[in-house]
Each structure stands twice: as C-alpha cells, then as structure tokens.
Amino acid sequence: MNSFLRSLSTTQQIGALFLVVFGVLSLVTLWAFVRGLRETPAGDADAAAARKAKGRRLRGLLQTSWAMATVFWVGWVLGDTAATVLFALVAFFALREFITLSPTRRGDHRSLVLAFFVVLPLQFVLVGTRHFDLFTVFIPVYVFLALPVVSALANDPQRFLERSAKLQWGIMVCVYGMSHVPALLLLDFPGQGPGRGAFLVFYLVLSVQTCMVVQHLLGRRFPHQPVAPAVSQSFQWASWLAGVAVGGLVGGLLSFITPFKPGQALGMALLACTAGSLGHLVMKALKRDRGVTSWGMQGQSVTGAGGLLDRVDALCFAAPVFFHSVRWYFGL
C-alpha cells in the first residue's frame, strides 16, 4: 500500500489528501451541526449549560482544524513565495496579540518598531532566499543582542529586564518559530521532485493537530490528576502520552507523502508532537501569568483558545524542532 501511494504523482497525492482531509472535516462539521439541533429537555438548565459549553469547545476544535487545513492548501496553491508572505502575516498578527497583552513603556517603542517592521520582514526574507544558516541564528544571536541596546538607549531602566524578556519571548515564539514553517517548503531532498515541500508542512500540521485534539478529548473524557493544575487543568500525563502516540502514528502513516521511511516518519512525528504539546503548555503558563484565557480575547473555544496565537502556538514550537532535526538527520 505504501509503495502504491508513493508511486502516485504529486497531483494525484494532493487530490487524495484533499478528498480525505476536507471530506473528514466536512462530515464531522455536519455531524456537529445535526448534534446541535437536538433539543434539551425542558427545565434541565444544568444539562443545557453543559451542552452549550461542549458545543463551544467542539466548534473551536473544528475551527482550528479547518484553519490548519486551509493554511496548508493556500500555501500549496499560491506557491513558495506567496506562502512565505502568508506565514509572515500570520507571524505579524500573532506577535501583535502577544505584545498587546504584555505591558510596555514609552522606552520600548523603538524596539517594537524594529521588531514588527525590520526584524520580522528580514527573517522571512532570509527564509524566502534560502539563507538557512543565517536565518537560524539571526534572531537568537543578532536580534537578541541588538533589541536590548535599542531599549537601553531610550533611557528608561524601569522593569528593563522584564520588558526586554517579554519582547524577546514574543519574537522567538511568533516570528522565529513561525518562520520555520515556510522554510519547510523550500527544503530540497535528493531524488525528490519539485513541489514536495508542501507535503512536509501538511505532515507536520496534521501530526501536531491530531496530537492536540486527542490530548484534549481524552483529557475531557477521562479526567485524571493534572500535572500542573495552576497552569492547565487539562494537561495530564495519560492523555498527553496518548496524544503524542496517536500523533506519531498518524505521522508514520503519512510517510508516503514525505521523503521519510515509515520508521523515520514515526520518529519525526513523535518529536514534533512532543515539542508542540509541551510548547502549548508553556503558552498556557504565559496566559495564566497575564490573567487571560485567550491571547485574542475573542471568546472561549477549545482549551481556552480564542485568538490566532492560541491556534498556532503548538506549531510555533514544533516547527523549529522538526526543521532542524530534518536538516541534521538528512544532512541538508
């Protein structure tokens, strides 16, 4: 079966993925719609409230899944350059959400201008021009040292370390992490035809998203003692291990669209799912520190996700780990 799928042309594989992914999402969305039409027995206010809460979580879960799948298809249809610009816009709005909920002072204005209008565009230009060695150190080395200097020259030492750390964190997660997604589109594997990079993005997104969905559903359905209750009531070792395992299995089954052998695909998916799910926990800790349930403050959905950053935070952590692991393992 794996040999047959690998023998298909790129267009045929894309058509098969289109039918499977959007077909499944359409069926689940239709089922959720029909399920929402069921009436709650009169006078049962608690049951009605519980059903509404479950409905909101399910809608948020579906919205996230549709968004991830749509980003993949848009990136493939538009081509490498347009996809890089698309992910740059995603990084811009995610960084805006992060900075909006982080207190800043007048002394940070120059650093913020540099972050949004110099650092972010330059990072994605380096990606688009395939300067992989430079783009991997541009933010962790040069920007890490330059932005505090700009803030210090503003002559405002009050809470300087805290302000600098928050800006650095926002850039690392939202810009540096997200920039590795379009970089996957540009990787060249020996013996692979053109246009195959989008499959790596699809492989990464589907594996990580499956891990997050399974972890969330099992944590809700079979609650256990949370590992860090002050950070997340839904993060439990049993559901986390199950989510990582299922996400890794999905990645292994998708080996036919990647340059990996089944065992390699399984290992890479396990690594990406581990990084993404633990990164999601870290972002929850940051939200608790800010006293919010959502970066975007647009209402509650799955796992408290209401903003753009809530929907891509796991990907921001998984993408750099996956990208550099692939480059190292295959010597690219």
Protein backbone atom coordinates (compact mmCIF):
# COMPACT_ATOMS: atom_id res chain seq x y z
CA MET A 1 0.00 0.00 0.00
CA ASN A 2 2.81 2.40 0.92
CA SER A 3 4.61 1.63 -2.36
CA PHE A 4 1.42 2.26 -4.34
CA LEU A 5 0.86 5.63 -2.66
CA ARG A 6 4.46 6.65 -3.28
CA SER A 7 4.08 5.73 -6.94
CA LEU A 8 1.29 8.29 -7.42
CA SER A 9 2.16 11.62 -9.00
CA THR A 10 2.27 14.79 -6.92
CA THR A 11 -1.09 15.91 -8.30
CA GLN A 12 -2.70 12.56 -7.55
CA GLN A 13 -1.36 12.56 -3.99
CA ILE A 14 -2.63 16.08 -3.46
CA GLY A 15 -6.05 15.07 -4.80
CA ALA A 16 -6.17 12.11 -2.42
CA LEU A 17 -5.22 14.31 0.53
CA PHE A 18 -7.85 16.86 -0.47
CA LEU A 19 -10.59 14.20 -0.52
CA VAL A 20 -9.55 12.65 2.79
CA VAL A 21 -8.88 15.75 4.89
CA PHE A 22 -11.68 18.03 3.74
CA GLY A 23 -14.04 15.07 3.43
CA VAL A 24 -13.49 14.08 7.06
CA LEU A 25 -13.75 17.69 8.24
CA SER A 26 -16.99 18.15 6.29
CA LEU A 27 -18.53 15.00 7.78
CA VAL A 28 -17.54 15.96 11.32
CA THR A 29 -18.83 19.50 10.83
CA LEU A 30 -22.15 18.16 9.51
CA TRP A 31 -22.40 15.78 12.47
CA ALA A 32 -21.71 18.64 14.89
CA PHE A 33 -24.39 20.76 13.22
CA VAL A 34 -27.01 17.99 13.46
CA ARG A 35 -25.98 17.28 17.04
CA GLY A 36 -26.51 20.94 17.92
CA LEU A 37 -30.11 20.77 16.71
CA ARG A 38 -31.07 18.27 19.39
CA GLU A 39 -33.35 19.78 21.99
CA THR A 40 -32.60 19.73 25.69
CA PRO A 41 -35.43 18.55 27.97
CA ALA A 42 -37.39 21.46 29.39
CA GLY A 43 -36.41 22.57 32.87
CA ASP A 44 -32.98 20.94 32.75
CA ALA A 45 -30.90 24.13 32.92
CA ASP A 46 -27.69 22.39 34.01
CA ALA A 47 -27.82 19.96 31.10
CA ALA A 48 -28.49 22.82 28.69
CA ALA A 49 -25.50 24.79 30.01
CA ALA A 50 -23.27 21.71 29.79
CA ARG A 51 -24.35 21.03 26.21
CA LYS A 52 -23.68 24.64 25.23
CA ALA A 53 -20.20 24.51 26.74
CA LYS A 54 -19.43 21.26 24.89
CA GLY A 55 -20.79 22.81 21.70
CA ARG A 56 -18.48 25.81 22.03
CA ARG A 57 -15.46 23.59 22.60
CA LEU A 58 -16.37 21.42 19.61
CA ARG A 59 -16.85 24.46 17.36
CA GLY A 60 -13.50 25.83 18.44
CA LEU A 61 -11.87 22.48 17.75
CA LEU A 62 -13.37 22.37 14.27
CA GLN A 63 -12.42 25.98 13.54
CA THR A 64 -8.81 25.26 14.47
CA SER A 65 -8.75 22.12 12.30
CA TRP A 66 -10.30 23.94 9.33
CA ALA A 67 -7.83 26.80 9.74
CA MET A 68 -4.81 24.48 9.82
CA ALA A 69 -6.00 22.55 6.76
CA THR A 70 -6.82 25.73 4.87
CA VAL A 71 -3.39 27.25 5.57
CA PHE A 72 -1.79 24.14 4.07
CA TRP A 73 -3.84 24.27 0.89
CA VAL A 74 -3.45 28.01 0.44
CA GLY A 75 0.31 27.68 0.90
CA TRP A 76 0.48 24.95 -1.73
CA VAL A 77 -1.78 26.70 -4.26
CA LEU A 78 -0.07 30.09 -4.05
CA GLY A 79 3.49 28.78 -4.34
CA ASP A 80 6.60 29.19 -2.20
CA THR A 81 6.90 33.00 -2.32
CA ALA A 82 3.24 33.72 -1.62
CA ALA A 83 3.21 31.07 1.12
CA THR A 84 6.19 32.74 2.81
CA VAL A 85 4.33 36.07 2.75
CA LEU A 86 1.22 34.37 4.13
CA PHE A 87 3.10 32.93 7.09
CA ALA A 88 4.80 36.30 7.65
CA LEU A 89 1.34 37.83 8.04
CA VAL A 90 0.37 35.08 10.47
CA ALA A 91 3.52 35.82 12.48
CA PHE A 92 2.76 39.56 12.43
CA PHE A 93 -0.75 39.17 13.86
CA ALA A 94 0.38 36.54 16.37
CA LEU A 95 3.14 38.88 17.61
CA ARG A 96 0.61 41.70 17.85
CA GLU A 97 -1.60 39.56 20.09
CA PHE A 98 1.37 38.67 22.28
CA ILE A 99 2.58 42.26 22.66
CA THR A 100 -0.95 43.58 23.25
CA LEU A 101 -1.19 41.55 26.46
CA SER A 102 2.36 42.40 27.56
CA PRO A 103 2.83 45.76 29.32
CA THR A 104 5.18 48.14 27.51
CA ARG A 105 6.53 51.61 28.19
CA ARG A 106 7.50 54.54 26.02
CA GLY A 107 11.09 53.33 26.07
CA ASP A 108 10.03 50.16 24.23
CA HIS A 109 8.53 51.93 21.21
CA ARG A 110 11.70 51.89 19.12
CA SER A 111 12.29 48.22 19.88
CA LEU A 112 8.69 47.41 18.94
CA VAL A 113 9.04 49.24 15.63
CA LEU A 114 12.20 47.29 14.88
CA ALA A 115 10.54 44.01 15.87
CA PHE A 116 7.47 44.46 13.66
CA PHE A 117 8.88 46.31 10.67
CA VAL A 118 12.55 45.28 10.48
CA VAL A 119 13.18 42.00 12.29
CA LEU A 120 10.03 40.21 11.11
CA PRO A 121 10.37 41.10 7.40
CA LEU A 122 14.11 40.36 7.38
CA GLN A 123 13.58 36.96 8.98
CA PHE A 124 11.12 35.91 6.28
CA VAL A 125 13.27 37.41 3.51
CA LEU A 126 16.12 35.21 4.71
CA VAL A 127 13.75 32.24 4.58
CA GLY A 128 12.49 33.11 1.10
CA THR A 129 16.03 33.49 -0.23
CA ARG A 130 17.03 30.15 1.33
CA HIS A 131 19.73 31.59 3.61
CA PHE A 132 19.04 28.81 6.10
CA ASP A 133 22.28 29.10 8.06
CA LEU A 134 21.74 32.83 8.60
CA PHE A 135 18.02 32.76 9.32
CA THR A 136 18.51 30.18 12.08
CA VAL A 137 20.85 32.49 14.04
CA PHE A 138 19.56 35.93 13.02
CA ILE A 139 17.03 36.26 15.85
CA PRO A 140 18.65 34.11 18.59
CA VAL A 141 22.02 35.87 18.20
CA TYR A 142 21.87 39.25 16.47
CA VAL A 143 18.37 40.37 17.42
CA PHE A 144 18.77 39.03 20.95
CA LEU A 145 21.73 41.37 21.45
CA ALA A 146 20.50 44.34 19.42
CA LEU A 147 17.00 44.96 20.78
CA PRO A 148 18.04 45.48 24.43
CA VAL A 149 20.63 48.01 23.23
CA VAL A 150 17.91 49.97 21.45
CA SER A 151 15.74 49.86 24.59
CA ALA A 152 18.63 50.93 26.80
CA LEU A 153 19.33 53.95 24.57
CA ALA A 154 15.74 55.07 25.27
CA ASN A 155 16.89 55.91 28.84
CA ASP A 156 14.12 54.03 30.67
CA PRO A 157 15.55 51.46 33.16
CA GLN A 158 12.29 50.74 35.00
CA ARG A 159 11.49 46.97 34.80
CA PHE A 160 14.03 46.81 31.98
CA LEU A 161 14.80 43.08 32.31
CA GLU A 162 11.12 42.10 32.40
CA ARG A 163 10.23 44.26 29.41
CA SER A 164 13.17 43.02 27.34
CA ALA A 165 12.46 39.38 28.18
CA LYS A 166 8.82 39.65 27.13
CA LEU A 167 9.70 41.19 23.80
CA GLN A 168 12.38 38.56 23.19
CA TRP A 169 9.91 35.80 24.04
CA GLY A 170 7.31 37.19 21.67
CA ILE A 171 9.79 37.41 18.79
CA MET A 172 11.17 33.92 19.40
CA VAL A 173 7.76 32.24 19.52
CA CYS A 174 5.76 34.24 16.99
CA VAL A 175 8.43 35.18 14.43
CA TYR A 176 11.28 32.72 14.80
CA GLY A 177 9.05 29.70 15.39
CA MET A 178 6.57 30.51 12.64
CA SER A 179 9.30 31.29 10.08
CA HIS A 180 10.33 27.62 10.12
CA VAL A 181 7.01 26.57 8.58
CA PRO A 182 7.61 28.19 5.15
CA ALA A 183 11.25 27.10 5.41
CA LEU A 184 9.99 23.52 5.19
CA LEU A 185 8.53 24.37 1.78
CA LEU A 186 12.00 25.20 0.49
CA LEU A 187 13.93 22.15 1.66
CA ASP A 188 15.37 20.11 -1.22
CA PHE A 189 15.68 16.37 -0.71
CA PRO A 190 17.86 14.35 -3.12
CA GLY A 191 15.74 12.35 -5.53
CA GLN A 192 12.54 14.26 -4.74
CA GLY A 193 10.68 16.20 -7.42
CA PRO A 194 9.71 19.90 -7.16
CA GLY A 195 6.66 20.99 -5.21
CA ARG A 196 7.08 18.36 -2.50
CA GLY A 197 7.84 20.78 0.34
CA ALA A 198 4.15 21.48 0.96
CA PHE A 199 3.71 17.84 1.94
CA LEU A 200 6.15 18.33 4.81
CA VAL A 201 4.03 21.24 6.09
CA PHE A 202 0.90 19.12 5.79
CA TYR A 203 2.63 16.22 7.56
CA LEU A 204 3.76 18.48 10.41
CA VAL A 205 0.42 20.29 10.82
CA LEU A 206 -1.72 17.13 10.73
CA SER A 207 0.52 15.22 13.15
CA VAL A 208 0.68 18.04 15.69
CA GLN A 209 -3.00 18.93 15.34
CA THR A 210 -4.00 15.28 15.81
CA CYS A 211 -1.87 15.13 18.94
CA MET A 212 -3.52 18.24 20.38
CA VAL A 213 -7.05 17.07 19.54
CA VAL A 214 -6.58 13.59 21.04
CA GLN A 215 -4.92 15.03 24.14
CA HIS A 216 -7.78 17.47 24.65
CA LEU A 217 -10.60 14.98 24.03
CA LEU A 218 -9.13 12.25 26.25
CA GLY A 219 -8.36 14.76 28.99
CA ARG A 220 -12.00 15.88 28.96
CA ARG A 221 -13.48 12.39 28.62
CA PHE A 222 -11.23 10.58 31.12
CA PRO A 223 -10.04 13.20 33.62
CA HIS A 224 -7.04 12.41 35.79
CA GLN A 225 -4.93 14.41 38.20
CA PRO A 226 -3.50 17.40 36.25
CA VAL A 227 0.28 17.67 36.19
CA ALA A 228 0.32 21.45 36.72
CA PRO A 229 -3.18 22.45 37.90
CA ALA A 230 -2.27 26.11 38.32
CA VAL A 231 -1.28 26.22 34.65
CA SER A 232 -3.66 23.77 32.97
CA GLN A 233 -6.43 21.59 34.33
CA SER A 234 -6.46 19.51 31.14
CA PHE A 235 -2.75 18.59 30.89
CA GLN A 236 -2.47 15.05 32.25
CA TRP A 237 0.28 12.52 31.64
CA ALA A 238 -2.08 9.80 30.38
CA SER A 239 -3.87 11.98 27.83
CA TRP A 240 -0.58 13.65 26.83
CA LEU A 241 1.14 10.32 26.15
CA ALA A 242 -1.88 9.09 24.22
CA GLY A 243 -1.98 12.28 22.15
CA VAL A 244 1.73 12.08 21.30
CA ALA A 245 1.39 8.39 20.43
CA VAL A 246 -1.61 8.90 18.13
CA GLY A 247 0.02 11.94 16.51
CA GLY A 248 3.17 9.91 15.92
CA LEU A 249 1.14 7.06 14.43
CA VAL A 250 -0.58 9.47 12.04
CA GLY A 251 2.83 10.79 11.01
CA GLY A 252 4.05 7.26 10.39
CA LEU A 253 1.02 6.52 8.20
CA LEU A 254 1.77 9.67 6.19
CA SER A 255 5.28 8.53 5.30
CA PHE A 256 4.23 8.06 1.66
CA ILE A 257 3.97 11.84 1.16
CA THR A 258 7.35 12.53 2.77
CA PRO A 259 10.95 11.61 1.94
CA PHE A 260 10.98 9.53 5.15
CA LYS A 261 10.71 5.80 5.57
CA PRO A 262 7.85 4.70 7.89
CA GLY A 263 10.13 4.38 10.92
CA GLN A 264 11.71 7.77 10.26
CA ALA A 265 8.29 9.37 9.75
CA LEU A 266 7.09 7.92 13.06
CA GLY A 267 10.14 9.24 14.92
CA MET A 268 9.92 12.71 13.39
CA ALA A 269 6.20 12.94 14.17
CA LEU A 270 6.76 11.86 17.78
CA LEU A 271 9.43 14.55 18.14
CA ALA A 272 7.21 17.25 16.61
CA CYS A 273 4.18 16.25 18.71
CA THR A 274 6.24 16.29 21.91
CA ALA A 275 7.63 19.76 21.18
CA GLY A 276 4.26 21.16 20.08
CA SER A 277 2.23 19.85 23.01
CA LEU A 278 4.77 20.95 25.62
CA GLY A 279 5.05 24.33 23.89
CA HIS A 280 1.28 24.68 24.16
CA LEU A 281 1.61 24.11 27.90
CA VAL A 282 4.27 26.83 28.11
CA MET A 283 1.99 29.29 26.32
CA LYS A 284 -0.78 28.42 28.77
CA ALA A 285 1.56 29.33 31.62
CA LEU A 286 2.21 32.69 29.96
CA LYS A 287 -1.54 33.30 29.63
CA ARG A 288 -2.08 32.47 33.30
CA ASP A 289 0.68 34.93 34.17
CA ARG A 290 -1.19 37.62 32.21
CA GLY A 291 -4.50 36.61 33.80
CA VAL A 292 -6.25 35.76 30.49
CA THR A 293 -7.71 32.59 28.95
CA SER A 294 -7.10 33.65 25.36
CA TRP A 295 -4.50 35.73 23.56
CA GLY A 296 -7.08 37.25 21.26
CA MET A 297 -9.79 37.76 23.89
CA GLN A 298 -12.41 36.77 21.34
CA GLY A 299 -14.34 34.33 23.47
CA GLN A 300 -13.57 30.82 24.56
CA SER A 301 -13.08 27.83 22.30
CA VAL A 302 -11.13 24.62 22.64
CA THR A 303 -8.70 24.68 25.56
CA GLY A 304 -9.44 28.37 26.01
CA ALA A 305 -8.24 29.25 22.53
CA GLY A 306 -9.82 32.37 21.08
CA GLY A 307 -7.05 34.18 19.26
CA LEU A 308 -4.74 33.42 16.36
CA LEU A 309 -1.78 32.70 18.62
CA ASP A 310 -3.88 30.18 20.58
CA ARG A 311 -4.39 28.24 17.36
CA VAL A 312 -0.76 28.21 16.16
CA ASP A 313 1.25 28.17 19.39
CA ALA A 314 1.92 24.41 19.23
CA LEU A 315 3.07 24.79 15.62
CA CYS A 316 5.44 27.62 16.60
CA PHE A 317 7.24 25.26 18.99
CA ALA A 318 7.09 22.16 16.82
CA ALA A 319 8.27 23.71 13.54
CA PRO A 320 11.83 24.74 14.61
CA VAL A 321 12.47 21.40 16.31
CA PHE A 322 11.16 19.49 13.29
CA PHE A 323 13.01 21.64 10.72
CA HIS A 324 16.43 21.41 12.36
CA SER A 325 16.00 17.70 13.14
CA VAL A 326 15.24 17.02 9.47
CA ARG A 327 18.21 19.09 8.27
CA TRP A 328 20.57 17.41 10.73
CA TYR A 329 19.36 13.85 10.10
CA PHE A 330 19.43 14.09 6.31
CA GLY A 331 22.45 16.41 6.07
CA LEU A 332 20.60 19.10 4.09
